[in-house]
N, C-alpha and C. Protein backbone atom coordinates (compact mmCIF):
# COMPACT_ATOMS: atom_id res chain seq x y z
N MET A 1 110.47 104.58 81.72
CA MET A 1 110.39 104.84 83.15
C MET A 1 108.93 105.10 83.55
N LYS A 2 108.50 104.48 84.63
CA LYS A 2 107.14 104.67 85.14
C LYS A 2 107.18 105.56 86.39
N VAL A 3 106.37 106.61 86.35
CA VAL A 3 106.34 107.57 87.46
C VAL A 3 104.93 107.69 88.00
N LEU A 4 104.80 107.57 89.33
CA LEU A 4 103.53 107.83 89.99
C LEU A 4 103.62 109.19 90.67
N MET A 5 102.80 110.13 90.23
CA MET A 5 102.77 111.48 90.79
C MET A 5 101.56 111.58 91.72
N VAL A 6 101.80 111.89 92.99
CA VAL A 6 100.71 111.96 93.97
C VAL A 6 100.48 113.41 94.36
N ASP A 7 99.23 113.87 94.16
CA ASP A 7 98.92 115.27 94.48
C ASP A 7 97.53 115.39 95.09
N GLN A 8 97.46 116.06 96.24
CA GLN A 8 96.20 116.27 96.93
C GLN A 8 95.55 117.61 96.56
N PHE A 9 96.26 118.48 95.82
CA PHE A 9 95.77 119.83 95.57
C PHE A 9 94.92 119.96 94.31
N LEU A 10 95.07 119.03 93.38
CA LEU A 10 94.24 119.08 92.17
C LEU A 10 92.77 118.97 92.55
N PRO A 11 91.85 119.64 91.86
CA PRO A 11 92.06 120.50 90.69
C PRO A 11 92.30 121.97 91.04
N ASN A 12 92.42 122.30 92.34
CA ASN A 12 92.57 123.71 92.74
C ASN A 12 93.91 124.31 92.33
N SER A 13 94.92 123.46 92.17
CA SER A 13 96.23 123.92 91.70
C SER A 13 96.59 123.14 90.45
N VAL A 14 97.09 123.83 89.44
CA VAL A 14 97.45 123.16 88.18
C VAL A 14 98.96 122.92 88.09
N TYR A 15 99.65 123.07 89.20
CA TYR A 15 101.11 122.87 89.23
C TYR A 15 101.49 121.52 88.62
N VAL A 16 100.83 120.46 89.07
CA VAL A 16 101.17 119.12 88.60
C VAL A 16 100.82 118.94 87.13
N VAL A 17 99.74 119.55 86.69
CA VAL A 17 99.36 119.47 85.27
C VAL A 17 100.45 120.08 84.40
N GLU A 18 100.94 121.25 84.79
CA GLU A 18 102.02 121.90 84.04
C GLU A 18 103.28 121.04 84.04
N LEU A 19 103.61 120.48 85.20
CA LEU A 19 104.80 119.65 85.32
C LEU A 19 104.71 118.40 84.45
N CYS A 20 103.57 117.72 84.52
CA CYS A 20 103.42 116.46 83.79
C CYS A 20 103.26 116.68 82.29
N ARG A 21 102.85 117.86 81.89
CA ARG A 21 102.78 118.18 80.47
C ARG A 21 104.17 118.04 79.83
N GLU A 22 105.21 118.35 80.58
CA GLU A 22 106.58 118.20 80.09
C GLU A 22 107.13 116.81 80.38
N LEU A 23 106.89 116.30 81.59
CA LEU A 23 107.45 115.01 81.98
C LEU A 23 106.96 113.86 81.11
N ARG A 24 105.75 113.98 80.57
CA ARG A 24 105.19 112.89 79.77
C ARG A 24 106.02 112.62 78.51
N LYS A 25 106.87 113.57 78.12
CA LYS A 25 107.74 113.37 76.96
C LYS A 25 108.86 112.39 77.27
N TYR A 26 109.14 112.18 78.55
CA TYR A 26 110.29 111.39 78.95
C TYR A 26 109.94 110.16 79.79
N ALA A 27 108.70 110.06 80.26
CA ALA A 27 108.32 108.96 81.13
C ALA A 27 106.83 108.66 80.99
N LYS A 28 106.45 107.48 81.46
CA LYS A 28 105.04 107.10 81.51
C LYS A 28 104.49 107.58 82.85
N ILE A 29 103.59 108.56 82.81
CA ILE A 29 103.13 109.23 84.02
C ILE A 29 101.73 108.76 84.43
N THR A 30 101.59 108.45 85.71
CA THR A 30 100.28 108.21 86.32
C THR A 30 100.10 109.23 87.43
N ILE A 31 98.99 109.95 87.41
CA ILE A 31 98.71 110.94 88.46
C ILE A 31 97.64 110.37 89.40
N PHE A 32 97.99 110.28 90.67
CA PHE A 32 97.08 109.79 91.70
C PHE A 32 96.54 111.00 92.44
N CYS A 33 95.23 111.23 92.36
CA CYS A 33 94.67 112.49 92.87
C CYS A 33 93.28 112.27 93.46
N LYS A 34 92.64 113.37 93.87
CA LYS A 34 91.29 113.30 94.43
C LYS A 34 90.27 112.94 93.34
N LYS A 35 89.16 112.42 93.78
CA LYS A 35 88.09 112.06 92.85
C LYS A 35 87.61 113.28 92.06
N ASN A 36 87.41 113.05 90.76
CA ASN A 36 86.92 114.09 89.84
C ASN A 36 87.91 115.24 89.66
N ALA A 37 89.19 114.98 89.94
CA ALA A 37 90.20 116.03 89.78
C ALA A 37 91.00 115.88 88.49
N GLY A 38 90.77 114.81 87.75
CA GLY A 38 91.52 114.60 86.52
C GLY A 38 91.13 115.58 85.43
N THR A 39 92.02 115.73 84.47
CA THR A 39 91.76 116.61 83.34
C THR A 39 92.33 115.98 82.07
N ASP A 40 92.12 116.59 80.95
CA ASP A 40 92.63 116.07 79.68
C ASP A 40 94.12 116.34 79.55
N LEU A 41 94.90 115.28 79.44
CA LEU A 41 96.34 115.42 79.24
C LEU A 41 96.80 114.16 78.52
N ASP A 42 96.97 114.26 77.21
CA ASP A 42 97.30 113.11 76.39
C ASP A 42 98.53 112.38 76.92
N GLY A 43 98.41 111.05 77.00
CA GLY A 43 99.54 110.24 77.40
C GLY A 43 99.70 110.07 78.89
N VAL A 44 98.86 110.73 79.68
CA VAL A 44 98.93 110.64 81.14
C VAL A 44 97.75 109.82 81.66
N ILE A 45 98.03 108.89 82.57
CA ILE A 45 96.99 108.08 83.19
C ILE A 45 96.54 108.76 84.48
N TRP A 46 95.23 108.91 84.63
CA TRP A 46 94.66 109.53 85.84
C TRP A 46 94.02 108.47 86.71
N LYS A 47 94.35 108.49 87.99
CA LYS A 47 93.71 107.60 88.97
C LYS A 47 93.19 108.49 90.10
N ASP A 48 91.93 108.87 89.98
CA ASP A 48 91.33 109.79 90.96
C ASP A 48 90.66 109.00 92.08
N LYS A 49 91.49 108.52 93.00
CA LYS A 49 91.01 107.60 94.04
C LYS A 49 91.21 108.12 95.46
N LEU A 50 91.68 109.35 95.61
CA LEU A 50 91.85 109.92 96.94
C LEU A 50 90.56 110.61 97.38
N TYR A 51 90.40 110.76 98.68
CA TYR A 51 89.21 111.40 99.24
C TYR A 51 89.11 112.85 98.79
N ALA A 52 87.94 113.23 98.29
CA ALA A 52 87.76 114.57 97.73
C ALA A 52 87.06 115.54 98.68
N GLY A 53 86.67 115.08 99.88
CA GLY A 53 86.02 115.98 100.83
C GLY A 53 84.52 116.04 100.63
N GLY A 54 83.85 116.76 101.56
CA GLY A 54 82.43 117.02 101.41
C GLY A 54 81.50 116.00 102.03
N LYS A 55 81.98 115.23 103.02
CA LYS A 55 81.13 114.26 103.69
C LYS A 55 81.08 114.55 105.18
N GLY A 56 80.17 113.87 105.91
CA GLY A 56 80.12 113.99 107.36
C GLY A 56 81.39 113.43 107.99
N LYS A 57 81.61 113.71 109.26
CA LYS A 57 82.88 113.38 109.91
C LYS A 57 83.24 111.91 109.82
N MET A 58 82.33 111.03 110.19
CA MET A 58 82.63 109.60 110.17
C MET A 58 82.83 109.10 108.74
N ALA A 59 81.98 109.55 107.83
CA ALA A 59 82.11 109.15 106.43
C ALA A 59 83.42 109.68 105.84
N ALA A 60 83.82 110.88 106.26
CA ALA A 60 85.06 111.47 105.76
C ALA A 60 86.27 110.65 106.20
N VAL A 61 86.28 110.25 107.47
CA VAL A 61 87.38 109.42 107.99
C VAL A 61 87.45 108.11 107.22
N TRP A 62 86.31 107.50 106.98
CA TRP A 62 86.25 106.24 106.24
C TRP A 62 86.75 106.41 104.80
N GLU A 63 86.27 107.42 104.11
CA GLU A 63 86.67 107.65 102.72
C GLU A 63 88.14 108.03 102.61
N TYR A 64 88.62 108.83 103.55
CA TYR A 64 90.04 109.20 103.55
C TYR A 64 90.91 107.95 103.73
N GLY A 65 90.53 107.09 104.68
CA GLY A 65 91.27 105.85 104.90
C GLY A 65 91.26 104.95 103.68
N LYS A 66 90.11 104.86 103.00
CA LYS A 66 90.02 104.06 101.78
C LYS A 66 90.95 104.60 100.70
N GLY A 67 91.03 105.93 100.61
CA GLY A 67 91.91 106.55 99.63
C GLY A 67 93.37 106.19 99.88
N LEU A 68 93.78 106.20 101.15
CA LEU A 68 95.16 105.83 101.49
C LEU A 68 95.42 104.35 101.22
N PHE A 69 94.42 103.51 101.47
CA PHE A 69 94.55 102.09 101.16
C PHE A 69 94.76 101.89 99.67
N ARG A 70 94.00 102.62 98.86
CA ARG A 70 94.15 102.52 97.40
C ARG A 70 95.53 103.00 96.95
N LEU A 71 96.01 104.07 97.58
CA LEU A 71 97.33 104.59 97.25
C LEU A 71 98.41 103.56 97.59
N GLN A 72 98.31 102.97 98.77
CA GLN A 72 99.29 101.95 99.16
C GLN A 72 99.28 100.77 98.20
N LYS A 73 98.10 100.35 97.79
CA LYS A 73 97.97 99.24 96.84
C LYS A 73 98.61 99.60 95.50
N GLU A 74 98.40 100.85 95.06
CA GLU A 74 98.99 101.30 93.80
C GLU A 74 100.51 101.30 93.86
N ILE A 75 101.05 101.73 94.99
CA ILE A 75 102.50 101.75 95.17
C ILE A 75 103.07 100.33 95.15
N LYS A 76 102.39 99.41 95.82
CA LYS A 76 102.88 98.03 95.91
C LYS A 76 102.76 97.27 94.59
N LYS A 77 101.66 97.49 93.88
CA LYS A 77 101.36 96.68 92.70
C LYS A 77 101.72 97.35 91.37
N GLY A 78 102.02 98.65 91.40
CA GLY A 78 102.19 99.39 90.15
C GLY A 78 103.54 99.28 89.48
N SER A 79 104.52 98.70 90.18
CA SER A 79 105.88 98.55 89.62
C SER A 79 106.43 99.87 89.09
N TYR A 80 106.33 100.92 89.90
CA TYR A 80 106.82 102.24 89.49
C TYR A 80 108.31 102.37 89.76
N ASP A 81 108.99 103.08 88.87
CA ASP A 81 110.40 103.40 89.08
C ASP A 81 110.56 104.57 90.04
N VAL A 82 109.58 105.49 89.97
CA VAL A 82 109.62 106.70 90.81
C VAL A 82 108.23 106.96 91.38
N VAL A 83 108.17 107.27 92.67
CA VAL A 83 106.95 107.82 93.27
C VAL A 83 107.28 109.24 93.70
N HIS A 84 106.59 110.20 93.10
CA HIS A 84 106.87 111.62 93.35
C HIS A 84 105.69 112.21 94.13
N VAL A 85 105.95 112.57 95.38
CA VAL A 85 104.92 113.11 96.26
C VAL A 85 104.94 114.63 96.19
N GLN A 86 103.83 115.20 95.77
CA GLN A 86 103.74 116.66 95.67
C GLN A 86 103.16 117.31 96.92
N SER A 87 102.18 116.66 97.53
CA SER A 87 101.47 117.32 98.63
C SER A 87 100.82 116.29 99.54
N PHE A 88 100.39 116.77 100.69
CA PHE A 88 99.71 115.92 101.67
C PHE A 88 98.35 116.53 102.03
N LYS A 89 97.42 115.66 102.34
CA LYS A 89 96.18 116.12 102.97
C LYS A 89 96.35 116.11 104.49
N ASP A 90 96.95 115.04 104.98
CA ASP A 90 97.28 114.93 106.41
C ASP A 90 98.59 114.17 106.53
N ALA A 91 99.67 114.93 106.69
CA ALA A 91 101.01 114.35 106.65
C ALA A 91 101.25 113.31 107.74
N LYS A 92 100.59 113.45 108.87
CA LYS A 92 100.87 112.52 109.98
C LYS A 92 100.42 111.09 109.67
N TYR A 93 99.54 110.93 108.68
CA TYR A 93 99.15 109.60 108.23
C TYR A 93 99.85 109.22 106.93
N GLU A 94 100.08 110.18 106.08
CA GLU A 94 100.61 109.88 104.75
C GLU A 94 102.12 109.68 104.75
N ILE A 95 102.85 110.45 105.55
CA ILE A 95 104.30 110.26 105.62
C ILE A 95 104.65 108.85 106.11
N PRO A 96 104.04 108.35 107.20
CA PRO A 96 104.33 106.97 107.61
C PRO A 96 104.01 105.94 106.53
N LEU A 97 102.97 106.21 105.72
CA LEU A 97 102.62 105.29 104.64
C LEU A 97 103.76 105.18 103.64
N TYR A 98 104.31 106.33 103.24
CA TYR A 98 105.42 106.31 102.27
C TYR A 98 106.66 105.65 102.86
N CYS A 99 106.97 105.97 104.10
CA CYS A 99 108.16 105.41 104.74
C CYS A 99 108.02 103.89 104.91
N LYS A 100 106.83 103.46 105.32
CA LYS A 100 106.58 102.03 105.52
C LYS A 100 106.71 101.25 104.21
N ASN A 101 106.30 101.86 103.10
CA ASN A 101 106.30 101.17 101.81
C ASN A 101 107.50 101.52 100.94
N LYS A 102 108.54 102.07 101.55
CA LYS A 102 109.72 102.49 100.78
C LYS A 102 110.35 101.33 100.02
N LYS A 103 110.24 100.12 100.55
CA LYS A 103 110.85 98.97 99.87
C LYS A 103 110.22 98.69 98.50
N TYR A 104 109.03 99.24 98.27
CA TYR A 104 108.36 99.08 96.97
C TYR A 104 108.65 100.27 96.04
N ILE A 105 109.42 101.23 96.53
CA ILE A 105 109.66 102.46 95.77
C ILE A 105 111.15 102.60 95.48
N PRO A 106 111.59 102.29 94.25
CA PRO A 106 113.01 102.42 93.92
C PRO A 106 113.56 103.83 94.16
N ARG A 107 112.75 104.85 93.78
CA ARG A 107 113.16 106.24 94.03
C ARG A 107 111.95 107.04 94.52
N LEU A 108 112.07 107.52 95.76
CA LEU A 108 111.02 108.34 96.36
C LEU A 108 111.43 109.81 96.25
N VAL A 109 110.60 110.60 95.58
CA VAL A 109 110.91 112.01 95.33
C VAL A 109 109.82 112.88 95.96
N HIS A 110 110.22 114.02 96.50
CA HIS A 110 109.25 114.96 97.07
C HIS A 110 109.62 116.38 96.67
N THR A 111 108.62 117.15 96.24
CA THR A 111 108.83 118.57 95.99
C THR A 111 108.54 119.33 97.29
N VAL A 112 109.56 120.02 97.79
CA VAL A 112 109.45 120.74 99.06
C VAL A 112 108.90 122.13 98.78
N HIS A 113 107.58 122.25 98.78
CA HIS A 113 106.95 123.55 98.57
C HIS A 113 107.12 124.44 99.80
N ASN A 114 107.06 123.82 100.98
CA ASN A 114 107.35 124.49 102.26
C ASN A 114 108.10 123.49 103.13
N LEU A 115 109.12 123.95 103.85
CA LEU A 115 109.85 123.03 104.71
C LEU A 115 108.95 122.41 105.76
N LEU A 116 108.05 123.22 106.31
CA LEU A 116 107.04 122.77 107.26
C LEU A 116 105.71 123.43 106.89
N PRO A 117 104.59 122.85 107.29
CA PRO A 117 103.30 123.52 107.05
C PRO A 117 103.27 124.88 107.73
N HIS A 118 102.48 125.80 107.18
CA HIS A 118 102.37 127.13 107.79
C HIS A 118 101.83 127.03 109.21
N GLU A 119 100.88 126.14 109.43
CA GLU A 119 100.32 125.93 110.76
C GLU A 119 100.92 124.66 111.35
N ALA A 120 102.23 124.63 111.49
CA ALA A 120 102.94 123.44 111.95
C ALA A 120 102.64 123.15 113.42
N SER A 121 102.53 121.87 113.75
CA SER A 121 102.33 121.45 115.13
C SER A 121 103.68 121.09 115.74
N ALA A 122 103.67 120.76 117.02
CA ALA A 122 104.91 120.49 117.74
C ALA A 122 105.68 119.31 117.15
N GLY A 123 104.97 118.30 116.65
CA GLY A 123 105.65 117.11 116.15
C GLY A 123 105.99 117.14 114.68
N ASP A 124 105.63 118.21 113.98
CA ASP A 124 105.83 118.25 112.52
C ASP A 124 107.30 118.24 112.11
N ARG A 125 108.14 118.90 112.87
CA ARG A 125 109.55 118.96 112.49
C ARG A 125 110.16 117.56 112.45
N GLU A 126 109.89 116.77 113.47
CA GLU A 126 110.41 115.40 113.51
C GLU A 126 109.80 114.55 112.40
N LEU A 127 108.50 114.74 112.16
CA LEU A 127 107.80 113.99 111.12
C LEU A 127 108.38 114.27 109.74
N TYR A 128 108.56 115.54 109.42
CA TYR A 128 109.08 115.92 108.10
C TYR A 128 110.56 115.57 107.97
N SER A 129 111.29 115.65 109.06
CA SER A 129 112.69 115.25 109.03
C SER A 129 112.82 113.77 108.66
N ARG A 130 111.96 112.97 109.23
CA ARG A 130 111.94 111.54 108.91
C ARG A 130 111.65 111.33 107.43
N PHE A 131 110.69 112.07 106.90
CA PHE A 131 110.32 111.92 105.49
C PHE A 131 111.44 112.40 104.57
N TYR A 132 112.03 113.55 104.87
CA TYR A 132 113.10 114.08 104.04
C TYR A 132 114.27 113.10 103.96
N ASN A 133 114.56 112.45 105.08
CA ASN A 133 115.66 111.49 105.09
C ASN A 133 115.29 110.19 104.41
N CYS A 134 114.00 109.88 104.35
CA CYS A 134 113.54 108.67 103.66
C CYS A 134 113.59 108.85 102.14
N CYS A 135 113.41 110.08 101.67
CA CYS A 135 113.37 110.36 100.23
C CYS A 135 114.74 110.18 99.59
N ASP A 136 114.73 109.79 98.32
CA ASP A 136 115.97 109.68 97.55
C ASP A 136 116.35 111.02 96.92
N LEU A 137 115.35 111.86 96.66
CA LEU A 137 115.60 113.16 96.03
C LEU A 137 114.55 114.16 96.52
N LEU A 138 115.02 115.38 96.82
CA LEU A 138 114.13 116.47 97.21
C LEU A 138 114.24 117.58 96.18
N VAL A 139 113.12 118.05 95.67
CA VAL A 139 113.09 119.11 94.67
C VAL A 139 112.71 120.42 95.35
N VAL A 140 113.51 121.46 95.11
CA VAL A 140 113.19 122.80 95.62
C VAL A 140 113.21 123.77 94.43
N HIS A 141 112.68 124.97 94.65
CA HIS A 141 112.57 125.92 93.55
C HIS A 141 113.61 127.03 93.59
N ASN A 142 114.46 127.05 94.60
CA ASN A 142 115.49 128.09 94.66
C ASN A 142 116.63 127.68 95.59
N GLU A 143 117.72 128.41 95.50
CA GLU A 143 118.91 128.12 96.29
C GLU A 143 118.67 128.30 97.79
N TYR A 144 117.85 129.28 98.14
CA TYR A 144 117.58 129.54 99.56
C TYR A 144 116.97 128.32 100.24
N CYS A 145 116.01 127.69 99.58
CA CYS A 145 115.37 126.49 100.15
C CYS A 145 116.36 125.34 100.25
N ARG A 146 117.24 125.23 99.28
CA ARG A 146 118.26 124.18 99.34
C ARG A 146 119.15 124.37 100.56
N GLN A 147 119.56 125.61 100.79
CA GLN A 147 120.40 125.90 101.94
C GLN A 147 119.68 125.61 103.25
N LEU A 148 118.39 125.93 103.31
CA LEU A 148 117.62 125.67 104.53
C LEU A 148 117.52 124.17 104.82
N LEU A 149 117.29 123.37 103.77
CA LEU A 149 117.23 121.93 103.97
C LEU A 149 118.55 121.39 104.49
N MET A 150 119.64 121.90 103.96
CA MET A 150 120.95 121.45 104.40
C MET A 150 121.23 121.87 105.84
N LYS A 151 120.85 123.09 106.17
CA LYS A 151 121.13 123.64 107.50
C LYS A 151 120.19 123.09 108.57
N GLU A 152 118.88 123.10 108.28
CA GLU A 152 117.89 122.73 109.29
C GLU A 152 117.71 121.22 109.45
N TYR A 153 117.92 120.48 108.36
CA TYR A 153 117.66 119.03 108.40
C TYR A 153 118.87 118.18 108.04
N GLN A 154 120.02 118.81 107.83
CA GLN A 154 121.26 118.10 107.52
C GLN A 154 121.11 117.18 106.31
N ILE A 155 120.36 117.65 105.31
CA ILE A 155 120.20 116.89 104.07
C ILE A 155 121.43 117.13 103.19
N PRO A 156 122.09 116.07 102.70
CA PRO A 156 123.27 116.26 101.85
C PRO A 156 122.94 117.00 100.55
N GLU A 157 123.87 117.79 100.10
CA GLU A 157 123.67 118.63 98.91
C GLU A 157 123.28 117.83 97.69
N GLU A 158 123.88 116.65 97.51
CA GLU A 158 123.63 115.86 96.32
C GLU A 158 122.22 115.26 96.28
N LYS A 159 121.51 115.35 97.38
CA LYS A 159 120.16 114.81 97.46
C LYS A 159 119.10 115.86 97.12
N ILE A 160 119.54 117.09 96.84
CA ILE A 160 118.61 118.19 96.59
C ILE A 160 118.77 118.71 95.17
N CYS A 161 117.66 118.82 94.46
CA CYS A 161 117.67 119.30 93.08
C CYS A 161 116.90 120.63 93.00
N ILE A 162 117.54 121.64 92.43
CA ILE A 162 116.87 122.94 92.23
C ILE A 162 116.21 122.95 90.85
N THR A 163 114.90 123.12 90.83
CA THR A 163 114.14 123.20 89.58
C THR A 163 113.29 124.46 89.62
N PRO A 164 113.48 125.39 88.68
CA PRO A 164 112.68 126.62 88.67
C PRO A 164 111.18 126.32 88.66
N HIS A 165 110.41 127.18 89.29
CA HIS A 165 108.96 127.01 89.35
C HIS A 165 108.35 127.18 87.97
N GLY A 166 107.31 126.40 87.69
CA GLY A 166 106.61 126.50 86.40
C GLY A 166 105.92 127.84 86.22
N SER A 167 105.51 128.11 84.99
CA SER A 167 104.95 129.43 84.65
C SER A 167 103.43 129.47 84.63
N TYR A 168 102.76 128.34 84.89
CA TYR A 168 101.30 128.28 84.89
C TYR A 168 100.72 128.81 83.57
N THR A 169 101.19 128.25 82.46
CA THR A 169 100.72 128.70 81.15
C THR A 169 99.23 128.46 80.97
N GLN A 170 98.71 127.39 81.57
CA GLN A 170 97.28 127.10 81.45
C GLN A 170 96.44 128.21 82.07
N ILE A 171 96.87 128.69 83.24
CA ILE A 171 96.15 129.77 83.91
C ILE A 171 96.19 131.03 83.07
N ARG A 172 97.33 131.29 82.45
CA ARG A 172 97.47 132.50 81.64
C ARG A 172 96.51 132.47 80.45
N LYS A 173 96.39 131.32 79.81
CA LYS A 173 95.47 131.20 78.68
C LYS A 173 94.02 131.41 79.12
N GLU A 174 93.66 130.81 80.25
CA GLU A 174 92.29 130.96 80.75
C GLU A 174 92.02 132.41 81.14
N GLU A 175 93.03 133.04 81.71
CA GLU A 175 92.90 134.44 82.14
C GLU A 175 92.65 135.34 80.94
N ASN A 176 93.41 135.12 79.88
CA ASN A 176 93.24 135.93 78.67
C ASN A 176 91.83 135.77 78.10
N THR A 177 91.33 134.54 78.13
CA THR A 177 89.99 134.27 77.59
C THR A 177 88.90 134.87 78.47
N ASP A 178 89.02 134.65 79.78
CA ASP A 178 87.97 135.08 80.71
C ASP A 178 87.89 136.59 80.87
N PHE A 179 89.06 137.25 80.85
CA PHE A 179 89.08 138.68 81.15
C PHE A 179 89.47 139.56 79.96
N GLY A 180 89.71 138.94 78.82
CA GLY A 180 90.05 139.71 77.63
C GLY A 180 91.36 140.45 77.76
N LEU A 181 92.31 139.89 78.50
CA LEU A 181 93.61 140.55 78.69
C LEU A 181 94.52 140.28 77.50
N THR A 182 95.41 141.20 77.25
CA THR A 182 96.39 141.03 76.18
C THR A 182 97.77 140.86 76.79
N ASP A 183 98.72 140.45 75.97
CA ASP A 183 100.09 140.25 76.45
C ASP A 183 100.74 141.55 76.90
N ARG A 184 100.14 142.69 76.56
CA ARG A 184 100.73 143.98 76.97
C ARG A 184 100.35 144.35 78.40
N LYS A 185 99.41 143.61 78.97
CA LYS A 185 98.98 143.92 80.33
C LYS A 185 100.03 143.45 81.34
N ILE A 186 100.22 144.24 82.39
CA ILE A 186 101.10 143.84 83.49
C ILE A 186 100.27 143.09 84.51
N ARG A 187 100.75 141.90 84.90
CA ARG A 187 100.01 141.08 85.86
C ARG A 187 100.89 140.71 87.04
N PHE A 188 100.28 140.58 88.19
CA PHE A 188 100.98 140.13 89.39
C PHE A 188 100.46 138.74 89.75
N LEU A 189 101.39 137.84 90.07
CA LEU A 189 101.02 136.48 90.45
C LEU A 189 101.36 136.26 91.91
N GLN A 190 100.39 135.79 92.67
CA GLN A 190 100.63 135.44 94.07
C GLN A 190 100.41 133.95 94.25
N PHE A 191 101.41 133.27 94.80
CA PHE A 191 101.32 131.83 94.98
C PHE A 191 100.56 131.47 96.25
N GLY A 192 99.77 130.43 96.18
CA GLY A 192 99.18 129.84 97.36
C GLY A 192 98.08 130.65 98.01
N ILE A 193 97.88 130.38 99.29
CA ILE A 193 96.82 131.01 100.07
C ILE A 193 97.19 132.46 100.38
N LEU A 194 96.18 133.33 100.42
CA LEU A 194 96.41 134.73 100.78
C LEU A 194 96.85 134.80 102.24
N ARG A 195 98.05 135.34 102.47
CA ARG A 195 98.59 135.46 103.82
C ARG A 195 99.22 136.84 103.98
N PRO A 196 99.20 137.40 105.19
CA PRO A 196 99.73 138.76 105.41
C PRO A 196 101.18 138.95 104.96
N TYR A 197 102.03 137.93 105.14
CA TYR A 197 103.44 138.10 104.80
C TYR A 197 103.69 138.25 103.30
N LYS A 198 102.67 137.96 102.48
CA LYS A 198 102.83 138.07 101.04
C LYS A 198 102.53 139.48 100.52
N SER A 199 102.23 140.40 101.42
CA SER A 199 102.04 141.82 101.07
C SER A 199 100.96 142.02 100.02
N SER A 200 99.84 141.34 100.20
CA SER A 200 98.73 141.47 99.24
C SER A 200 98.25 142.91 99.13
N GLY A 201 98.26 143.64 100.26
CA GLY A 201 97.82 145.03 100.26
C GLY A 201 98.67 145.91 99.39
N VAL A 202 99.99 145.67 99.40
CA VAL A 202 100.91 146.45 98.58
C VAL A 202 100.65 146.18 97.10
N MET A 203 100.43 144.91 96.76
CA MET A 203 100.21 144.54 95.36
C MET A 203 98.92 145.13 94.81
N SER A 204 97.93 145.33 95.66
CA SER A 204 96.63 145.79 95.19
C SER A 204 96.52 147.31 95.10
N ARG A 205 97.54 148.02 95.58
CA ARG A 205 97.49 149.48 95.51
C ARG A 205 97.67 149.96 94.07
N LYS A 206 97.01 151.02 93.73
CA LYS A 206 97.15 151.56 92.37
C LYS A 206 98.36 152.48 92.31
């Protein structure tokens, strides 16, 4: 089985690295990511062809568009059995790309990290609803998210797969090395961007 994993968050998030470390045992994995975001992972093909940021406005628009063109070409020519979308840089351009090219994708999979972006715009609900219905499978990390997808977007139960979140073993190893921590230490993990609703202040109290 050939799988194309698309992620815009690498190298800032190692979620996909942890996931593909296991998936590579069962499938031929290609990771499509930002330039210079690849890492060492035996048996995994890296295609770092997405826009990585850091240019002037006009150059950024051009490079971002080129990255999407490369992604579309990879989807059309790569003969993948599965295209698994992990994240978006700009969903209003990327979701239509996936929907338009669905005929080249036998199984379109998306991991629903958030039902909508935290800073959602007025049209995001309709946009994401279209994408969720276009996908063949949606991956969530808990029962609550599954219920929300069914209730808010009328996604059938059989189209949603619950997969527990990874443990970020790579981060733990680096943490032990960098800070000299031992397994006896108690650690708190906060996912994603620092936001008030995550009670960061409570976690930092002694």
